[in-house]
Amino acid sequence: MKGNLKALGGLTLFFVLALVLGGIVSYQAYQISPYPRFGEASLERFQSCSALTDAFKEAQQKAQSYYMVRGIQDLGVAVPMAAEAGKGVPAYSTTNIQVAGVDEADIVKTDGEYIYTLSTASYRYGEGGSKLIIAKAYPAEASEILSETTLENFYPQEMFIHGDYVLIFGSTRQEIPIYRETPPTPPGMARAEIMPYPYYPDFATIKIFDMSDRSDPELIRSVDFEGSYLSSRKIGPYVYFVINSYPKYHILEGGSDEDIIPLYRDAKKQDIGKNISFSKTCGCVDVQYFEPINPERFVTIASLSLEDPEAEINKEVVVGSGQNIYASLDNLYVAEMNYPFWFGVRSEEIPQEKTIVHKFSLDEGEVSHVGHMEAPG
């Protein structure tokens, strides 16, 4: 009997040890998962404007007639969130939210008491047509439209609300003169002057309205980024957004290297309605990249605070291609596709296409690059 008990005890101990060892092996296997992780490699900066333009020119020469442009889309599908309780108003559901605490822009917003709507004109850049509509929603017996603010020469896309402020993302088209260098004049001949000619690029435009009086919203800031608006997130009062800008190769012929940098203009309340000049989004040596350089376009990751709508805008400009974004409370992820083929012909010696995801930390409006990872496909 004792022998059987000893045998049983030994067998039990064996199984216990097996389970423990198995757990350790499983844990170690999990720890060395083959899935890629974010590397800590920091972004580099171009040393000069000529180095920046050379990188883009080299990419253009490689691509030649085959320049692949990928469609831009935003990651994920919005899922409904639990209703939030307000003071003095009934519970209401937030719109277009994927992550708790991370707000996403939309064409319709509500704070429980008012409903804010963007009405888009059927024509894109005509005067008038598009409107910001504010309606009283609670209490129901007092519901009414309070204001319809015309958004002239502006195509609205989506918006955020925060307290008494509304921030609207949209697009505009501006006339920009291009100046060419005058060619040398032979002796004895009159100097030839080349008149500037305009081009009409698209701009991602941000408009901020003060809604202290919701019957008469006041435009207090208008910001233009040359390029197209990709997407945005709001965490607390801080709005983070991504702009894509294509390099202006045609301007480089006869122009200066710094002309490749996207244009930027910031008109605050006292400057609204004035003819404010455009400047460069940043200096050439402020543009960042990582090896290997993939100079498809400029990606600007920027932020501003709706608690202080006149504060400076933080901007980080990276050479790459922003195509999808995702945000948590602490980080922003920007994904781009990398295609290792040109002229439409693949080489078996070249790796297949891959996705590169950049990770940026978010801290009260500050945006910092943390690292990036690569994944096949």
Protein backbone atom coordinates (compact mmCIF):
# COMPACT_ATOMS: atom_id res chain seq x y z
CA MET A 1 0.00 0.00 0.00
CA LYS A 2 2.81 2.39 0.93
CA GLY A 3 4.56 1.48 -2.30
CA ASN A 4 1.45 2.37 -4.27
CA LEU A 5 1.14 5.68 -2.44
CA LYS A 6 4.80 6.48 -3.15
CA ALA A 7 4.29 5.61 -6.80
CA LEU A 8 1.19 7.76 -6.95
CA GLY A 9 3.01 10.63 -5.24
CA GLY A 10 5.91 10.34 -7.65
CA LEU A 11 3.56 10.31 -10.61
CA THR A 12 1.75 13.39 -9.29
CA LEU A 13 5.07 15.20 -8.78
CA PHE A 14 6.06 14.31 -12.33
CA PHE A 15 2.89 15.83 -13.77
CA VAL A 16 3.29 18.96 -11.63
CA LEU A 17 6.87 19.41 -12.84
CA ALA A 18 5.76 18.79 -16.41
CA LEU A 19 3.09 21.46 -16.14
CA VAL A 20 5.53 23.95 -14.60
CA LEU A 21 8.20 23.26 -17.20
CA GLY A 22 5.62 23.36 -19.94
CA GLY A 23 4.44 26.73 -18.71
CA ILE A 24 7.99 28.05 -18.66
CA VAL A 25 8.63 26.80 -22.20
CA SER A 26 5.33 28.24 -23.39
CA TYR A 27 6.09 31.56 -21.72
CA GLN A 28 9.57 31.67 -23.28
CA ALA A 29 8.11 30.77 -26.66
CA TYR A 30 5.64 33.60 -26.26
CA GLN A 31 8.42 35.97 -25.27
CA ILE A 32 10.34 35.23 -28.49
CA SER A 33 7.32 35.67 -30.71
CA PRO A 34 8.29 36.04 -34.38
CA TYR A 35 6.04 39.09 -34.80
CA PRO A 36 8.01 42.30 -35.44
CA ARG A 37 8.37 44.92 -32.74
CA PHE A 38 9.08 48.61 -32.83
CA GLY A 39 12.74 49.43 -33.18
CA GLU A 40 14.23 52.39 -31.34
CA ALA A 41 16.07 53.84 -34.32
CA SER A 42 15.70 57.61 -34.33
CA LEU A 43 14.89 59.65 -37.39
CA GLU A 44 17.69 61.42 -39.20
CA ARG A 45 17.53 64.95 -40.60
CA PHE A 46 18.65 66.20 -43.99
CA GLN A 47 21.82 68.26 -43.82
CA SER A 48 20.86 70.73 -46.55
CA CYS A 49 18.18 71.69 -49.07
CA SER A 50 20.22 70.18 -51.89
CA ALA A 51 20.41 66.83 -50.06
CA LEU A 52 16.64 66.89 -49.64
CA THR A 53 15.88 67.70 -53.27
CA ASP A 54 18.47 65.17 -54.50
CA ALA A 55 16.64 62.43 -52.59
CA PHE A 56 13.34 63.32 -54.27
CA LYS A 57 14.93 63.71 -57.71
CA GLU A 58 16.59 60.31 -57.43
CA ALA A 59 13.27 58.73 -56.51
CA GLN A 60 11.58 60.45 -59.44
CA GLN A 61 14.23 59.20 -61.86
CA LYS A 62 13.82 55.63 -60.62
CA ALA A 63 10.09 55.77 -60.94
CA GLN A 64 10.06 57.60 -64.31
CA SER A 65 6.78 56.77 -66.00
CA TYR A 66 5.77 54.32 -63.28
CA TYR A 67 4.83 56.24 -60.17
CA MET A 68 2.56 54.30 -57.92
CA VAL A 69 0.05 56.28 -55.91
CA ARG A 70 -1.85 54.44 -53.26
CA GLY A 71 -5.36 55.40 -52.14
CA ILE A 72 -5.63 57.00 -48.75
CA GLN A 73 -7.89 55.47 -46.20
CA ASP A 74 -8.27 55.50 -42.48
CA LEU A 75 -7.88 52.38 -40.36
CA GLY A 76 -10.76 50.79 -38.54
CA VAL A 77 -14.50 51.09 -38.36
CA ALA A 78 -16.14 53.21 -35.72
CA VAL A 79 -17.81 51.28 -32.93
CA PRO A 80 -20.49 52.65 -30.63
CA MET A 81 -19.41 53.82 -27.19
CA ALA A 82 -21.36 53.91 -23.98
CA ALA A 83 -23.36 57.07 -23.36
CA GLU A 84 -21.67 59.82 -21.35
CA ALA A 85 -23.53 61.65 -18.61
CA GLY A 86 -23.72 65.43 -18.79
CA LYS A 87 -24.73 68.00 -16.21
CA GLY A 88 -28.22 69.31 -16.82
CA VAL A 89 -28.61 67.45 -20.11
CA PRO A 90 -29.63 63.86 -20.89
CA ALA A 91 -27.07 61.16 -21.63
CA TYR A 92 -25.88 61.17 -25.24
CA SER A 93 -23.67 58.97 -27.39
CA THR A 94 -20.41 60.26 -28.84
CA THR A 95 -19.86 59.78 -32.56
CA ASN A 96 -17.22 57.96 -34.56
CA ILE A 97 -15.13 56.62 -31.63
CA GLN A 98 -12.78 53.62 -31.81
CA VAL A 99 -10.76 54.06 -28.60
CA ALA A 100 -12.18 55.33 -25.31
CA GLY A 101 -10.81 58.81 -24.62
CA VAL A 102 -9.69 59.33 -28.22
CA ASP A 103 -12.19 61.44 -30.15
CA GLU A 104 -12.48 61.34 -33.93
CA ALA A 105 -13.68 64.08 -36.23
CA ASP A 106 -17.05 63.84 -37.97
CA ILE A 107 -19.50 65.95 -39.97
CA VAL A 108 -22.02 65.85 -37.10
CA LYS A 109 -21.14 66.42 -33.44
CA THR A 110 -23.12 66.98 -30.26
CA ASP A 111 -22.38 67.98 -26.68
CA GLY A 112 -25.81 66.91 -25.46
CA GLU A 113 -27.28 70.39 -25.56
CA TYR A 114 -26.39 71.48 -29.10
CA ILE A 115 -25.98 69.68 -32.43
CA TYR A 116 -23.28 70.87 -34.84
CA THR A 117 -23.51 69.95 -38.52
CA LEU A 118 -21.40 70.62 -41.61
CA SER A 119 -23.44 71.18 -44.75
CA THR A 120 -21.30 70.72 -47.87
CA ALA A 121 -21.94 72.56 -51.12
CA SER A 122 -22.44 70.55 -54.29
CA TYR A 123 -19.57 72.47 -55.93
CA ARG A 124 -16.15 72.38 -54.44
CA TYR A 125 -14.56 75.80 -54.51
CA GLY A 126 -17.41 78.17 -55.30
CA GLU A 127 -18.25 81.02 -52.99
CA GLY A 128 -20.72 80.18 -50.27
CA GLY A 129 -22.71 76.99 -50.25
CA SER A 130 -20.99 75.14 -47.41
CA LYS A 131 -22.20 75.94 -43.90
CA LEU A 132 -21.66 75.29 -40.22
CA ILE A 133 -25.11 74.78 -38.71
CA ILE A 134 -25.69 74.96 -34.95
CA ALA A 135 -29.01 73.83 -33.50
CA LYS A 136 -30.39 73.80 -29.97
CA ALA A 137 -31.24 70.17 -29.15
CA TYR A 138 -32.14 70.15 -25.44
CA PRO A 139 -34.64 70.60 -24.01
CA ALA A 140 -36.71 69.28 -26.89
CA GLU A 141 -39.41 71.93 -26.56
CA ALA A 142 -36.74 74.62 -27.07
CA SER A 143 -35.08 72.99 -30.09
CA GLU A 144 -34.31 75.36 -32.96
CA ILE A 145 -31.62 76.28 -35.46
CA LEU A 146 -29.48 78.98 -33.86
CA SER A 147 -27.10 79.83 -36.70
CA GLU A 148 -26.01 78.93 -40.23
CA THR A 149 -22.49 80.22 -40.83
CA THR A 150 -21.39 80.32 -44.48
CA LEU A 151 -17.92 78.89 -45.13
CA GLU A 152 -16.76 80.85 -48.15
CA ASN A 153 -14.27 79.29 -50.59
CA PHE A 154 -13.86 76.39 -48.20
CA TYR A 155 -14.82 72.73 -48.59
CA PRO A 156 -15.39 71.34 -45.06
CA GLN A 157 -14.66 67.67 -44.35
CA GLU A 158 -15.08 67.06 -40.61
CA MET A 159 -14.80 68.76 -37.23
CA PHE A 160 -14.18 68.60 -33.49
CA ILE A 161 -15.93 70.51 -30.73
CA HIS A 162 -14.39 71.42 -27.38
CA GLY A 163 -16.22 73.70 -24.99
CA ASP A 164 -16.99 76.93 -26.84
CA TYR A 165 -14.75 76.13 -29.81
CA VAL A 166 -15.28 74.20 -33.02
CA LEU A 167 -12.35 73.18 -35.23
CA ILE A 168 -13.14 72.34 -38.86
CA PHE A 169 -10.84 70.47 -41.26
CA GLY A 170 -11.35 71.12 -44.95
CA SER A 171 -9.67 72.11 -48.19
CA THR A 172 -9.11 75.31 -50.14
CA ARG A 173 -7.31 76.28 -53.32
CA GLN A 174 -4.91 79.20 -53.37
CA GLU A 175 -3.18 81.12 -56.14
CA ILE A 176 0.57 80.97 -55.63
CA PRO A 177 2.94 82.94 -57.92
CA ILE A 178 6.08 81.16 -59.15
CA TYR A 179 9.16 83.28 -59.73
CA ARG A 180 11.85 82.10 -62.14
CA GLU A 181 15.46 83.21 -62.23
CA THR A 182 16.11 85.64 -65.08
CA PRO A 183 18.54 84.12 -67.63
CA PRO A 184 21.85 85.93 -68.32
CA THR A 185 21.57 88.82 -70.76
CA PRO A 186 24.16 89.11 -73.58
CA PRO A 187 26.10 92.40 -73.64
CA GLY A 188 24.30 95.19 -75.43
CA MET A 189 20.86 93.63 -75.12
CA ALA A 190 18.00 94.69 -72.90
CA ARG A 191 17.50 92.58 -69.79
CA ALA A 192 14.61 90.14 -70.13
CA GLU A 193 12.30 89.93 -67.15
CA ILE A 194 10.29 86.75 -66.55
CA MET A 195 6.89 87.51 -65.13
CA PRO A 196 5.75 85.22 -62.31
CA TYR A 197 2.99 82.83 -63.26
CA PRO A 198 0.56 81.28 -60.79
CA TYR A 199 -0.21 77.71 -59.90
CA TYR A 200 -3.19 76.58 -57.85
CA PRO A 201 -2.29 73.93 -55.26
CA ASP A 202 -4.74 72.39 -52.83
CA PHE A 203 -4.39 73.23 -49.17
CA ALA A 204 -5.55 71.39 -46.07
CA THR A 205 -7.20 74.23 -44.16
CA ILE A 206 -8.16 74.40 -40.49
CA LYS A 207 -10.71 76.92 -39.29
CA ILE A 208 -11.42 77.54 -35.60
CA PHE A 209 -14.59 79.32 -34.50
CA ASP A 210 -15.42 80.80 -31.11
CA MET A 211 -18.99 79.71 -30.29
CA SER A 212 -19.46 81.61 -27.05
CA ASP A 213 -22.47 83.08 -28.84
CA ARG A 214 -23.83 80.10 -30.74
CA SER A 215 -26.17 82.33 -32.67
CA ASP A 216 -23.15 84.13 -34.15
CA PRO A 217 -19.92 82.03 -34.26
CA GLU A 218 -16.74 84.05 -34.84
CA LEU A 219 -13.79 82.85 -36.93
CA ILE A 220 -10.68 83.32 -34.79
CA ARG A 221 -8.03 81.33 -36.67
CA SER A 222 -7.38 79.95 -40.15
CA VAL A 223 -4.38 77.70 -40.88
CA ASP A 224 -3.30 76.45 -44.32
CA PHE A 225 -1.02 73.47 -44.99
CA GLU A 226 -0.12 72.78 -48.61
CA GLY A 227 -1.30 69.24 -49.27
CA SER A 228 -4.24 67.07 -48.31
CA TYR A 229 -5.74 66.27 -44.93
CA LEU A 230 -5.45 62.58 -44.01
CA SER A 231 -6.99 62.16 -40.57
CA SER A 232 -6.96 63.41 -36.99
CA ARG A 233 -7.60 62.51 -33.36
CA LYS A 234 -8.45 64.57 -30.27
CA ILE A 235 -7.24 63.60 -26.81
CA GLY A 236 -8.52 65.98 -24.16
CA PRO A 237 -8.12 69.49 -25.60
CA TYR A 238 -5.28 68.46 -27.94
CA VAL A 239 -5.97 67.83 -31.62
CA TYR A 240 -3.41 65.75 -33.54
CA PHE A 241 -3.61 65.60 -37.32
CA VAL A 242 -1.70 64.31 -40.36
CA ILE A 243 -1.17 66.12 -43.68
CA ASN A 244 0.21 64.57 -46.90
CA SER A 245 2.06 66.83 -49.35
CA TYR A 246 3.56 65.91 -52.72
CA PRO A 247 6.87 67.49 -53.77
CA LYS A 248 6.64 70.24 -56.41
CA TYR A 249 9.09 68.88 -58.99
CA HIS A 250 7.94 71.37 -61.64
CA ILE A 251 8.91 74.30 -59.43
CA LEU A 252 12.47 73.07 -58.98
CA GLU A 253 13.24 73.75 -62.65
CA GLY A 254 14.60 77.26 -62.47
CA GLY A 255 13.73 77.66 -58.80
CA SER A 256 15.64 77.15 -55.56
CA ASP A 257 15.96 73.85 -53.70
CA GLU A 258 13.97 75.06 -50.72
CA ASP A 259 10.90 75.55 -52.94
CA ILE A 260 10.21 71.83 -52.62
CA ILE A 261 9.11 72.34 -48.99
CA PRO A 262 5.29 72.55 -48.60
CA LEU A 263 3.83 75.99 -47.90
CA TYR A 264 2.19 77.05 -44.65
CA ARG A 265 0.17 80.03 -43.44
CA ASP A 266 -1.30 80.84 -40.04
CA ALA A 267 -3.80 83.71 -39.71
CA LYS A 268 -4.88 84.42 -36.14
CA LYS A 269 -7.85 86.53 -35.08
CA GLN A 270 -6.18 89.89 -35.66
CA ASP A 271 -5.01 88.75 -39.13
CA ILE A 272 -8.29 87.29 -40.42
CA GLY A 273 -9.17 88.92 -43.75
CA LYS A 274 -5.65 90.26 -44.32
CA ASN A 275 -3.34 89.16 -47.14
CA ILE A 276 -0.97 87.04 -45.07
CA SER A 277 2.04 85.66 -46.95
CA PHE A 278 2.86 81.97 -47.10
CA SER A 279 6.05 80.58 -45.59
CA LYS A 280 7.65 77.14 -45.61
CA THR A 281 6.20 74.52 -43.24
CA CYS A 282 9.73 74.05 -41.88
CA GLY A 283 13.36 74.41 -42.88
CA CYS A 284 15.10 71.82 -45.05
CA VAL A 285 17.28 70.70 -42.15
CA ASP A 286 14.15 70.13 -40.04
CA VAL A 287 12.80 67.48 -42.44
CA GLN A 288 13.30 64.00 -41.00
CA TYR A 289 13.74 60.58 -42.61
CA PHE A 290 14.83 57.05 -41.81
CA GLU A 291 17.00 54.68 -43.81
CA PRO A 292 16.33 53.54 -46.45
CA ILE A 293 14.88 56.84 -47.60
CA ASN A 294 11.45 56.52 -49.23
CA PRO A 295 10.88 60.03 -50.60
CA GLU A 296 7.37 59.67 -51.96
CA ARG A 297 5.92 62.72 -50.21
CA PHE A 298 6.07 64.87 -47.10
CA VAL A 299 4.06 63.77 -44.07
CA THR A 300 3.35 66.47 -41.49
CA ILE A 301 2.25 65.36 -38.02
CA ALA A 302 0.99 68.39 -36.13
CA SER A 303 -0.97 69.34 -33.02
CA LEU A 304 -2.75 72.27 -31.43
CA SER A 305 -4.71 72.89 -28.23
CA LEU A 306 -8.36 73.96 -28.14
CA GLU A 307 -7.85 75.22 -24.60
CA ASP A 308 -5.58 77.88 -26.09
CA PRO A 309 -6.63 78.20 -29.76
CA GLU A 310 -4.01 80.87 -30.47
CA ALA A 311 -1.04 78.85 -29.19
CA GLU A 312 1.68 77.83 -31.63
CA ILE A 313 1.15 74.68 -33.68
CA ASN A 314 3.65 71.87 -33.11
CA LYS A 315 4.84 70.33 -36.39
CA GLU A 316 7.00 67.34 -37.32
CA VAL A 317 7.75 66.83 -41.04
CA VAL A 318 8.88 63.40 -42.23
CA VAL A 319 9.74 62.17 -45.71
CA GLY A 320 7.61 59.12 -46.41
CA SER A 321 3.99 58.31 -47.13
CA GLY A 322 1.19 58.46 -44.58
CA GLN A 323 -1.69 56.21 -45.64
CA ASN A 324 -3.36 54.95 -42.47
CA ILE A 325 -3.35 56.17 -38.89
CA TYR A 326 -4.38 54.76 -35.53
CA ALA A 327 -4.20 56.42 -32.13
CA SER A 328 -4.26 55.35 -28.50
CA LEU A 329 -4.24 57.72 -25.53
CA ASP A 330 -0.44 57.88 -25.59
CA ASN A 331 0.67 57.08 -29.13
CA LEU A 332 -0.04 57.79 -32.77
CA TYR A 333 0.74 55.18 -35.42
CA VAL A 334 1.23 56.17 -39.07
CA ALA A 335 1.43 53.34 -41.60
CA GLU A 336 2.83 53.44 -45.12
CA MET A 337 3.26 50.85 -47.85
CA ASN A 338 6.73 50.28 -49.27
CA TYR A 339 6.90 48.81 -52.79
CA PRO A 340 10.37 47.48 -53.79
CA PHE A 341 9.72 47.58 -57.52
CA TRP A 342 9.93 50.15 -60.27
CA PHE A 343 8.76 50.23 -63.89
CA GLY A 344 6.14 47.61 -62.97
CA VAL A 345 8.77 44.83 -63.00
CA ARG A 346 9.67 42.85 -59.90
CA SER A 347 12.98 41.20 -59.21
CA GLU A 348 13.05 37.91 -57.33
CA GLU A 349 16.09 39.20 -55.46
CA ILE A 350 14.14 42.16 -54.08
CA PRO A 351 11.94 41.57 -51.01
CA GLN A 352 8.20 41.73 -51.46
CA GLU A 353 6.19 44.79 -50.49
CA LYS A 354 5.95 45.58 -46.81
CA THR A 355 4.13 47.87 -44.41
CA ILE A 356 6.15 50.31 -42.33
CA VAL A 357 4.51 51.65 -39.19
CA HIS A 358 5.90 54.73 -37.45
CA LYS A 359 5.15 55.19 -33.77
CA PHE A 360 4.91 58.70 -32.29
CA SER A 361 4.41 59.43 -28.61
CA LEU A 362 1.74 61.98 -27.67
CA ASP A 363 2.16 64.09 -24.55
CA GLU A 364 -0.04 67.16 -24.05
CA GLY A 365 0.41 68.37 -27.61
CA GLU A 366 4.02 67.28 -28.00
CA VAL A 367 4.70 64.75 -30.76
CA SER A 368 7.91 62.68 -30.71
CA HIS A 369 9.03 59.84 -32.95
CA VAL A 370 9.57 56.67 -30.91
CA GLY A 371 10.48 54.10 -33.54
CA HIS A 372 9.20 52.10 -36.46
CA MET A 373 8.56 48.49 -37.41
CA GLU A 374 8.27 46.60 -40.68
CA ALA A 375 5.84 43.83 -41.51
CA PRO A 376 5.44 41.86 -44.74
CA GLY A 377 2.46 42.64 -46.93
